[in-house]
Amino acid sequence: MSAPEQLPEIDNGLLRFLTCGSVDDGKSTLIGRLLYDSKSILADTLNAIAKTSERRGMTAVDLSLLTDGLQAEREQGITIDVAYRYFSSGRRKYIVADAPGHEQYTRNMVTAASTASLAIILIDARKGVLTQTRRHSYIAHLVGIPQIVVAINKMDLVDHDAARFEEIKADYLAFAGQMGIKDVRFIPMSALNGDMIVERGDQMNWYQGPTLFEMLESAPAAHAESDERLRFPVQYVCRPQTEEYHDFRGYMGRIESGAVGVGDAVTILPAGHQSRVKEIRILDQQLQRAVAEQSVTLLLEDEIDISRGDMIVKTGEAPRVDKQLDAMLCWLGEAPLDKNRKYLLRHTTRETKMMVAGIGYRLDINSLAQNEAQQLATNDIARISLKLAQPICIDSYAENRATGAFIIIDESSNNTVGAGMIL
């Protein structure tokens, strides 16, 4: 047997990844096995799930209980909400999201996918590629997850058959090719027994690739600030009413992408006013430079009328400011989309009323056919056009996942009924 392929060394960094797929493909067990085999479980937590497993009459610890935290989920044996878990290895830190497999909870999967840098799509080796496998794969591709790993699980139930692995791999690649997914990695595994998760095991010596844990350890980091444009949506204008800070005017928010430094020339959108950065603060600490995902307060050299929902960008790197947009939409509401109703669109820190100008097509998730549609039902994916009451500052989703995304809210119920990616 030849040696497994060697993986390149990388810098330590946070990796957000998602597990998804159809019902009972073993997503929660997989995460539990990762936590268990990487020794990321506290002793009291392990004892608690061991007792729960014993009460259920199981001879071994049910590792899926590590992520199926809601009581309703434990009673039904399914995952309903997105369960997030944090763990770390010697090389990097991880945040893993366990998305529900049932079709009616697709909205939860969309939420988890929006911030993930890698998706693990599980397939039951006995069942092969299913409709929900296709739906989750398409959503992962749609929301721009750059790395997709297809984990063909429960290989122990098909006698660790290499031919079955290759058959499912070929089926998935045919579907992925239609979607335009070019870079997919495949791995056979048994989450129940731990084969090819952290340890290789001795049942699938025909597979010469890396284990799942080795793939995660070598996955690239999400951000490269030097290649991104500054996007700083203003969340709050800070004006303390004290004698010491009488003239203080700070603009608070989270840097969604890029970086900003003291002295940088900036433009405030949508008005288009220009100024320079005078100070960057985190609490009482002053910085010379701040980067993506930091929450900071910016002070400018000029007094400009800026409010929540405005966006600060570097001069010469402005996004498009518009009241009309085209997008791919995942409809999440239980009631169908009503083209004659007004909804609320939330984009970064700005909210505005909106209406649907038209539905270009609705996607058939199985055939990927683009069908005409007059309305959208729960979990439908479609291309739509929107008209907004106020302008927003937008990039395409392919360029920027923060300023290229939005959600639609039903004002009567305050429920999130849609998630969109701007084209």
Protein backbone atom coordinates (compact mmCIF):
# COMPACT_ATOMS: atom_id res chain seq x y z
CA MET A 1 0.00 0.00 0.00
CA SER A 2 1.40 3.39 -0.97
CA ALA A 3 1.60 6.22 1.56
CA PRO A 4 -1.34 8.64 1.86
CA GLU A 5 -0.93 11.92 -0.03
CA GLN A 6 0.94 14.59 1.91
CA LEU A 7 -0.95 17.77 2.68
CA PRO A 8 0.66 21.22 2.57
CA GLU A 9 1.38 23.07 5.78
CA ILE A 10 -0.84 26.10 6.44
CA ASP A 11 -1.02 28.88 8.97
CA ASN A 12 -3.34 28.38 11.91
CA GLY A 13 -6.69 30.09 11.49
CA LEU A 14 -10.39 29.81 12.15
CA LEU A 15 -12.35 27.54 9.80
CA ARG A 16 -16.15 27.69 9.71
CA PHE A 17 -17.60 24.59 8.11
CA LEU A 18 -21.02 23.06 7.62
CA THR A 19 -22.34 19.51 7.56
CA CYS A 20 -25.45 18.92 5.47
CA GLY A 21 -27.30 16.28 3.47
CA SER A 22 -30.47 14.23 3.69
CA VAL A 23 -32.17 12.87 6.81
CA ASP A 24 -30.29 10.14 8.71
CA ASP A 25 -27.10 10.45 6.66
CA GLY A 26 -25.15 10.68 9.93
CA LYS A 27 -24.31 14.37 10.18
CA SER A 28 -24.63 14.66 13.96
CA THR A 29 -22.73 11.38 14.48
CA LEU A 30 -19.94 12.65 12.23
CA ILE A 31 -19.50 15.84 14.26
CA GLY A 32 -19.66 13.85 17.48
CA ARG A 33 -16.95 11.53 16.16
CA LEU A 34 -14.78 14.50 15.16
CA LEU A 35 -15.11 15.98 18.66
CA TYR A 36 -14.55 12.63 20.33
CA ASP A 37 -11.54 11.45 18.30
CA SER A 38 -9.88 14.88 18.40
CA LYS A 39 -10.27 14.82 22.20
CA SER A 40 -12.40 17.99 22.25
CA ILE A 41 -15.08 16.70 24.65
CA LEU A 42 -15.12 17.50 28.35
CA ALA A 43 -15.36 14.51 30.67
CA ASP A 44 -18.68 15.61 32.22
CA THR A 45 -20.22 16.07 28.75
CA LEU A 46 -19.11 12.60 27.73
CA ASN A 47 -20.53 11.13 30.93
CA ALA A 48 -23.88 12.86 30.35
CA ILE A 49 -24.33 11.50 26.82
CA ALA A 50 -23.14 8.06 27.96
CA LYS A 51 -25.94 7.97 30.54
CA THR A 52 -28.48 9.13 27.93
CA SER A 53 -27.29 6.42 25.53
CA GLU A 54 -27.57 3.79 28.29
CA ARG A 55 -31.16 4.86 29.07
CA ARG A 56 -31.99 4.30 25.41
CA GLY A 57 -30.66 0.77 25.60
CA MET A 58 -27.58 1.42 23.46
CA THR A 59 -24.40 -0.60 23.97
CA ALA A 60 -22.15 2.26 22.77
CA VAL A 61 -22.13 6.02 23.32
CA ASP A 62 -24.42 7.85 20.88
CA LEU A 63 -22.08 10.59 19.67
CA SER A 64 -24.87 12.37 17.77
CA LEU A 65 -26.13 13.67 21.14
CA LEU A 66 -23.18 16.06 21.24
CA THR A 67 -24.86 18.22 18.59
CA ASP A 68 -28.55 17.31 18.89
CA GLY A 69 -28.89 19.59 21.87
CA LEU A 70 -32.55 20.56 21.75
CA GLN A 71 -34.88 18.35 23.76
CA ALA A 72 -37.30 18.07 20.82
CA GLU A 73 -34.46 16.84 18.63
CA ARG A 74 -33.38 14.22 21.13
CA GLU A 75 -36.92 12.91 21.47
CA GLN A 76 -37.41 12.66 17.70
CA GLY A 77 -33.88 11.59 16.84
CA ILE A 78 -33.50 14.35 14.24
CA THR A 79 -31.80 17.72 13.97
CA ILE A 80 -34.23 20.66 13.74
CA ASP A 81 -32.25 23.80 14.47
CA VAL A 82 -28.67 24.50 13.40
CA ALA A 83 -26.36 23.26 16.14
CA TYR A 84 -23.04 25.09 16.37
CA ARG A 85 -20.01 23.62 18.09
CA TYR A 86 -16.54 25.04 18.70
CA PHE A 87 -13.40 22.95 18.95
CA SER A 88 -9.69 23.29 18.26
CA SER A 89 -6.75 21.15 17.26
CA GLY A 90 -3.04 21.76 17.50
CA ARG A 91 -3.11 23.63 14.18
CA ARG A 92 -6.34 25.63 14.03
CA LYS A 93 -9.73 26.51 15.53
CA TYR A 94 -13.09 25.40 14.16
CA ILE A 95 -16.74 26.41 14.25
CA VAL A 96 -18.92 23.63 12.88
CA ALA A 97 -22.61 23.96 12.00
CA ASP A 98 -24.80 20.85 11.90
CA ALA A 99 -27.65 21.71 9.49
CA PRO A 100 -30.99 19.87 9.59
CA GLY A 101 -31.70 17.33 6.87
CA HIS A 102 -35.49 17.57 6.67
CA GLU A 103 -36.81 19.53 3.70
CA GLN A 104 -39.01 21.80 5.83
CA TYR A 105 -35.91 23.05 7.70
CA THR A 106 -33.99 24.07 4.57
CA ARG A 107 -34.15 27.69 5.81
CA ASN A 108 -31.89 26.70 8.72
CA MET A 109 -29.37 25.23 6.31
CA VAL A 110 -29.30 28.49 4.31
CA THR A 111 -28.51 30.40 7.51
CA ALA A 112 -25.59 28.14 8.38
CA ALA A 113 -24.23 28.10 4.83
CA SER A 114 -24.05 31.89 4.58
CA THR A 115 -20.94 32.09 6.79
CA ALA A 116 -19.27 28.74 6.02
CA SER A 117 -15.99 28.38 4.14
CA LEU A 118 -16.32 24.62 3.62
CA ALA A 119 -19.30 22.26 3.28
CA ILE A 120 -19.30 18.57 4.09
CA ILE A 121 -22.17 16.97 2.18
CA LEU A 122 -22.98 13.54 3.57
CA ILE A 123 -24.41 10.73 1.47
CA ASP A 124 -25.67 7.43 2.86
CA ALA A 125 -23.75 4.74 0.95
CA ARG A 126 -26.90 2.60 0.80
CA LYS A 127 -29.15 5.34 -0.65
CA GLY A 128 -26.83 7.33 -2.90
CA VAL A 129 -27.59 10.84 -4.18
CA LEU A 130 -31.06 12.00 -3.07
CA THR A 131 -33.19 15.10 -3.74
CA GLN A 132 -32.09 16.77 -0.50
CA THR A 133 -28.47 16.01 -1.38
CA ARG A 134 -28.97 17.92 -4.62
CA ARG A 135 -30.81 20.78 -2.88
CA HIS A 136 -28.11 21.24 -0.23
CA SER A 137 -25.35 20.97 -2.85
CA TYR A 138 -27.01 23.64 -4.98
CA ILE A 139 -27.49 25.96 -2.00
CA ALA A 140 -23.85 25.46 -0.94
CA HIS A 141 -22.78 26.39 -4.47
CA LEU A 142 -25.27 29.27 -4.66
CA VAL A 143 -24.10 30.92 -1.44
CA GLY A 144 -20.51 30.70 -2.60
CA ILE A 145 -18.99 28.10 -0.28
CA PRO A 146 -15.60 27.67 -1.98
CA GLN A 147 -14.77 24.15 -0.77
CA ILE A 148 -17.06 21.12 -0.98
CA VAL A 149 -16.26 17.71 0.48
CA VAL A 150 -18.62 14.83 -0.32
CA ALA A 151 -18.46 12.32 2.53
CA ILE A 152 -19.93 8.95 1.55
CA ASN A 153 -20.91 7.66 4.98
CA LYS A 154 -22.02 4.30 6.40
CA MET A 155 -19.56 2.38 4.26
CA ASP A 156 -19.66 -0.31 6.96
CA LEU A 157 -23.25 -1.08 5.86
CA VAL A 158 -22.16 -1.82 2.26
CA ASP A 159 -19.16 -4.00 3.26
CA HIS A 160 -16.74 -1.13 2.59
CA ASP A 161 -17.28 -1.70 -1.14
CA ALA A 162 -14.97 0.43 -3.30
CA ALA A 163 -17.22 -0.09 -6.34
CA ARG A 164 -20.19 1.41 -4.48
CA PHE A 165 -18.06 4.42 -3.53
CA GLU A 166 -17.04 4.96 -7.17
CA GLU A 167 -20.66 4.58 -8.34
CA ILE A 168 -21.94 7.32 -5.99
CA LYS A 169 -18.96 9.51 -6.86
CA ALA A 170 -19.79 9.27 -10.57
CA ASP A 171 -23.49 10.09 -9.94
CA TYR A 172 -22.59 13.15 -7.88
CA LEU A 173 -20.00 14.42 -10.38
CA ALA A 174 -22.59 14.26 -13.17
CA PHE A 175 -24.92 16.47 -11.14
CA ALA A 176 -22.11 18.77 -9.98
CA GLY A 177 -21.03 19.30 -13.57
CA GLN A 178 -24.51 20.59 -14.45
CA MET A 179 -24.31 23.09 -11.59
CA GLY A 180 -20.83 24.27 -12.50
CA ILE A 181 -19.15 22.93 -9.36
CA LYS A 182 -15.58 22.23 -10.43
CA ASP A 183 -13.66 21.38 -7.27
CA VAL A 184 -15.15 18.54 -5.22
CA ARG A 185 -13.30 16.13 -2.95
CA PHE A 186 -14.67 12.70 -2.05
CA ILE A 187 -14.01 10.52 0.98
CA PRO A 188 -15.48 7.17 2.11
CA MET A 189 -16.11 6.86 5.83
CA SER A 190 -17.96 5.31 8.72
CA ALA A 191 -18.85 7.99 11.26
CA LEU A 192 -20.19 5.32 13.62
CA ASN A 193 -16.91 3.39 13.72
CA GLY A 194 -14.60 6.35 13.11
CA ASP A 195 -13.05 5.10 9.85
CA MET A 196 -11.47 7.93 7.81
CA ILE A 197 -12.63 10.64 10.24
CA VAL A 198 -9.56 11.29 12.38
CA GLU A 199 -8.05 7.80 12.21
CA ARG A 200 -7.85 5.87 8.94
CA GLY A 201 -9.00 2.50 10.28
CA ASP A 202 -8.14 -0.72 8.48
CA GLN A 203 -11.34 -1.42 6.51
CA MET A 204 -10.80 0.80 3.43
CA ASN A 205 -7.16 0.40 2.47
CA TRP A 206 -8.18 0.89 -1.17
CA TYR A 207 -8.69 4.61 -0.43
CA GLN A 208 -5.36 6.44 -0.56
CA GLY A 209 -6.53 10.02 0.04
CA PRO A 210 -6.47 12.08 3.26
CA THR A 211 -8.83 11.56 6.20
CA LEU A 212 -11.58 14.11 6.78
CA PHE A 213 -9.64 15.69 9.64
CA GLU A 214 -6.59 16.10 7.40
CA MET A 215 -8.78 17.85 4.83
CA LEU A 216 -10.08 20.24 7.47
CA GLU A 217 -6.59 20.94 8.80
CA SER A 218 -5.35 21.89 5.32
CA ALA A 219 -8.38 23.93 4.16
CA PRO A 220 -7.53 27.57 3.27
CA ALA A 221 -8.58 30.42 5.54
CA ALA A 222 -11.67 32.42 4.56
CA HIS A 223 -10.40 35.98 4.37
CA ALA A 224 -7.61 37.65 2.43
CA GLU A 225 -8.03 41.31 3.43
CA SER A 226 -5.44 42.60 0.94
CA ASP A 227 -7.61 41.40 -1.96
CA GLU A 228 -10.92 42.73 -0.61
CA ARG A 229 -12.47 46.17 -0.78
CA LEU A 230 -13.45 47.98 2.40
CA ARG A 231 -17.11 47.61 3.31
CA PHE A 232 -18.09 49.20 6.64
CA PRO A 233 -21.87 49.43 7.18
CA VAL A 234 -22.62 51.96 9.93
CA GLN A 235 -24.58 50.32 12.73
CA TYR A 236 -24.69 53.13 15.30
CA VAL A 237 -23.64 56.78 15.56
CA CYS A 238 -22.01 57.38 18.95
CA ARG A 239 -22.41 60.88 20.41
CA PRO A 240 -21.88 60.79 24.20
CA GLN A 241 -23.67 63.60 25.99
CA THR A 242 -20.83 64.36 28.39
CA GLU A 243 -18.59 67.38 28.83
CA GLU A 244 -15.43 65.33 28.17
CA TYR A 245 -16.74 63.96 24.85
CA HIS A 246 -18.89 66.93 23.84
CA ASP A 247 -17.56 67.02 20.26
CA PHE A 248 -17.11 63.24 19.89
CA ARG A 249 -18.83 61.68 16.87
CA GLY A 250 -17.94 58.06 16.18
CA TYR A 251 -19.37 55.64 13.65
CA MET A 252 -19.66 52.13 15.06
CA GLY A 253 -19.99 48.89 13.15
CA ARG A 254 -18.34 45.71 11.92
CA ILE A 255 -15.87 45.67 9.05
CA GLU A 256 -17.47 43.19 6.67
CA SER A 257 -14.54 43.02 4.26
CA GLY A 258 -11.19 44.63 3.53
CA ALA A 259 -9.18 46.83 5.85
CA VAL A 260 -9.03 50.48 6.90
CA GLY A 261 -6.20 52.61 8.30
CA VAL A 262 -5.79 56.03 9.86
CA GLY A 263 -5.44 58.60 7.08
CA ASP A 264 -7.32 56.58 4.45
CA ALA A 265 -9.54 58.58 2.09
CA VAL A 266 -13.11 57.33 2.41
CA THR A 267 -16.49 57.91 0.80
CA ILE A 268 -19.81 57.72 2.66
CA LEU A 269 -22.64 56.12 0.68
CA PRO A 270 -25.29 56.59 -0.58
CA ALA A 271 -24.77 60.38 -0.33
CA GLY A 272 -21.21 60.29 -1.73
CA HIS A 273 -19.55 62.65 0.81
CA GLN A 274 -15.78 62.26 1.21
CA SER A 275 -13.43 62.53 4.18
CA ARG A 276 -10.43 60.84 5.82
CA VAL A 277 -10.17 58.48 8.79
CA LYS A 278 -8.93 60.40 11.83
CA GLU A 279 -9.07 57.63 14.46
CA ILE A 280 -9.91 53.94 14.78
CA ARG A 281 -11.02 52.76 18.20
CA ILE A 282 -11.96 49.55 19.98
CA LEU A 283 -13.32 50.71 23.35
CA ASP A 284 -10.58 53.00 24.72
CA GLN A 285 -7.83 51.48 22.58
CA GLN A 286 -6.70 53.33 19.45
CA LEU A 287 -5.58 51.36 16.38
CA GLN A 288 -3.66 52.35 13.28
CA ARG A 289 -5.40 49.68 11.18
CA ALA A 290 -8.41 47.41 11.43
CA VAL A 291 -9.42 44.43 9.29
CA ALA A 292 -12.44 42.30 8.34
CA GLU A 293 -14.62 40.94 11.16
CA GLN A 294 -13.41 43.51 13.69
CA SER A 295 -16.06 45.68 15.35
CA VAL A 296 -14.64 49.20 15.61
CA THR A 297 -15.51 52.89 15.93
CA LEU A 298 -14.32 55.19 13.13
CA LEU A 299 -13.80 58.92 13.59
CA LEU A 300 -13.54 61.12 10.50
CA GLU A 301 -11.78 64.44 9.92
CA ASP A 302 -14.96 66.17 8.67
CA GLU A 303 -18.39 66.62 10.19
CA ILE A 304 -20.73 64.72 7.89
CA ASP A 305 -24.36 63.73 8.34
CA ILE A 306 -24.07 59.92 8.62
CA SER A 307 -26.71 57.56 10.00
CA ARG A 308 -27.35 53.86 10.52
CA GLY A 309 -27.51 52.01 7.21
CA ASP A 310 -24.95 54.23 5.46
CA MET A 311 -21.75 52.57 4.27
CA ILE A 312 -18.15 53.77 4.54
CA VAL A 313 -15.83 52.62 1.73
CA LYS A 314 -12.44 53.64 0.44
CA THR A 315 -12.58 56.40 -2.14
CA GLY A 316 -12.44 54.91 -5.61
CA GLU A 317 -13.70 51.48 -4.47
CA ALA A 318 -17.41 52.16 -4.20
CA PRO A 319 -20.05 49.45 -4.72
CA ARG A 320 -23.12 50.01 -6.89
CA VAL A 321 -25.83 52.16 -5.29
CA ASP A 322 -29.23 51.22 -6.67
CA LYS A 323 -32.96 50.83 -5.99
CA GLN A 324 -33.32 47.85 -8.34
CA LEU A 325 -31.53 44.53 -8.29
CA ASP A 326 -31.57 41.00 -9.69
CA ALA A 327 -30.92 38.11 -7.34
CA MET A 328 -31.20 34.39 -6.72
CA LEU A 329 -33.72 33.88 -3.93
CA CYS A 330 -34.40 30.97 -1.58
CA TRP A 331 -38.01 31.36 -0.44
CA LEU A 332 -38.27 30.29 3.21
CA GLY A 333 -41.76 31.42 4.18
CA GLU A 334 -44.59 29.00 4.86
CA ALA A 335 -46.97 31.22 2.86
CA PRO A 336 -46.18 31.59 -0.87
CA LEU A 337 -44.44 34.70 -2.16
CA ASP A 338 -47.08 37.31 -3.04
CA LYS A 339 -45.93 39.55 -5.90
CA ASN A 340 -48.54 42.16 -4.96
CA ARG A 341 -47.37 42.57 -1.37
CA LYS A 342 -44.72 44.83 0.08
CA TYR A 343 -42.01 43.20 2.15
CA LEU A 344 -39.06 44.52 4.15
CA LEU A 345 -35.57 43.97 2.77
CA ARG A 346 -32.65 43.94 5.20
CA HIS A 347 -29.21 44.45 3.67
CA THR A 348 -26.24 44.83 6.05
CA THR A 349 -27.51 47.48 8.50
CA ARG A 350 -30.07 49.09 6.18
CA GLU A 351 -33.76 48.23 5.90
CA THR A 352 -36.11 49.34 3.15
CA LYS A 353 -39.51 48.38 1.79
CA MET A 354 -39.50 46.33 -1.42
CA MET A 355 -41.71 44.68 -3.99
CA VAL A 356 -41.07 41.87 -6.44
CA ALA A 357 -40.81 43.30 -9.95
CA GLY A 358 -40.74 39.88 -11.60
CA ILE A 359 -39.81 36.22 -11.33
CA GLY A 360 -37.34 35.24 -14.04
CA TYR A 361 -37.59 31.50 -13.44
CA ARG A 362 -37.96 28.86 -10.74
CA LEU A 363 -35.30 26.16 -10.55
CA ASP A 364 -36.19 22.46 -10.69
CA ILE A 365 -33.70 21.10 -8.15
CA ASN A 366 -33.61 17.62 -9.71
CA SER A 367 -33.22 18.48 -13.40
CA LEU A 368 -31.87 22.04 -12.92
CA ALA A 369 -34.45 23.15 -15.51
CA GLN A 370 -35.48 26.82 -15.38
CA ASN A 371 -39.28 26.92 -15.31
CA GLU A 372 -41.67 29.86 -15.52
CA ALA A 373 -43.37 30.73 -12.23
CA GLN A 374 -45.93 33.20 -10.93
CA GLN A 375 -45.31 32.47 -7.24
CA LEU A 376 -42.81 30.71 -5.00
CA ALA A 377 -43.50 28.09 -2.32
CA THR A 378 -41.38 27.05 0.66
CA ASN A 379 -37.82 26.03 -0.31
CA ASP A 380 -38.21 27.16 -3.92
CA ILE A 381 -35.11 28.69 -5.51
CA ALA A 382 -35.66 31.31 -8.20
CA ARG A 383 -34.19 34.25 -10.05
CA ILE A 384 -36.11 37.43 -9.23
CA SER A 385 -36.05 41.19 -9.79
CA LEU A 386 -36.76 43.60 -6.93
CA LYS A 387 -37.73 47.26 -6.63
CA LEU A 388 -36.70 49.08 -3.44
CA ALA A 389 -38.05 52.19 -1.76
CA GLN A 390 -34.54 53.39 -0.84
CA PRO A 391 -31.16 52.78 -2.49
CA ILE A 392 -28.73 50.24 -1.03
CA CYS A 393 -24.99 49.76 -1.56
CA ILE A 394 -24.47 46.43 -3.29
CA ASP A 395 -21.78 44.19 -4.69
CA SER A 396 -22.54 40.96 -6.49
CA TYR A 397 -22.56 38.00 -4.15
CA ALA A 398 -19.72 36.43 -6.12
CA GLU A 399 -17.55 39.45 -5.22
CA ASN A 400 -18.61 39.98 -1.62
CA ARG A 401 -20.74 37.63 0.50
CA ALA A 402 -21.59 40.39 3.01
CA THR A 403 -22.77 43.18 0.71
CA GLY A 404 -24.10 40.74 -1.89
CA ALA A 405 -26.62 39.10 0.45
CA PHE A 406 -29.95 40.16 1.92
CA ILE A 407 -32.97 38.76 3.71
CA ILE A 408 -36.68 39.45 3.19
CA ILE A 409 -38.93 39.98 6.21
CA ASP A 410 -42.71 39.74 6.45
CA GLU A 411 -43.63 42.90 8.38
CA SER A 412 -46.90 41.48 9.70
CA SER A 413 -45.20 38.54 11.46
CA ASN A 414 -41.58 39.78 11.59
CA ASN A 415 -40.54 36.38 10.20
CA THR A 416 -37.64 35.97 7.78
CA VAL A 417 -39.28 34.62 4.61
CA GLY A 418 -36.48 34.83 2.04
CA ALA A 419 -32.70 34.86 1.64
CA GLY A 420 -31.16 36.32 -1.50
CA MET A 421 -27.84 36.50 -3.31
CA ILE A 422 -27.37 39.53 -5.59
CA LEU A 423 -26.29 38.84 -9.17
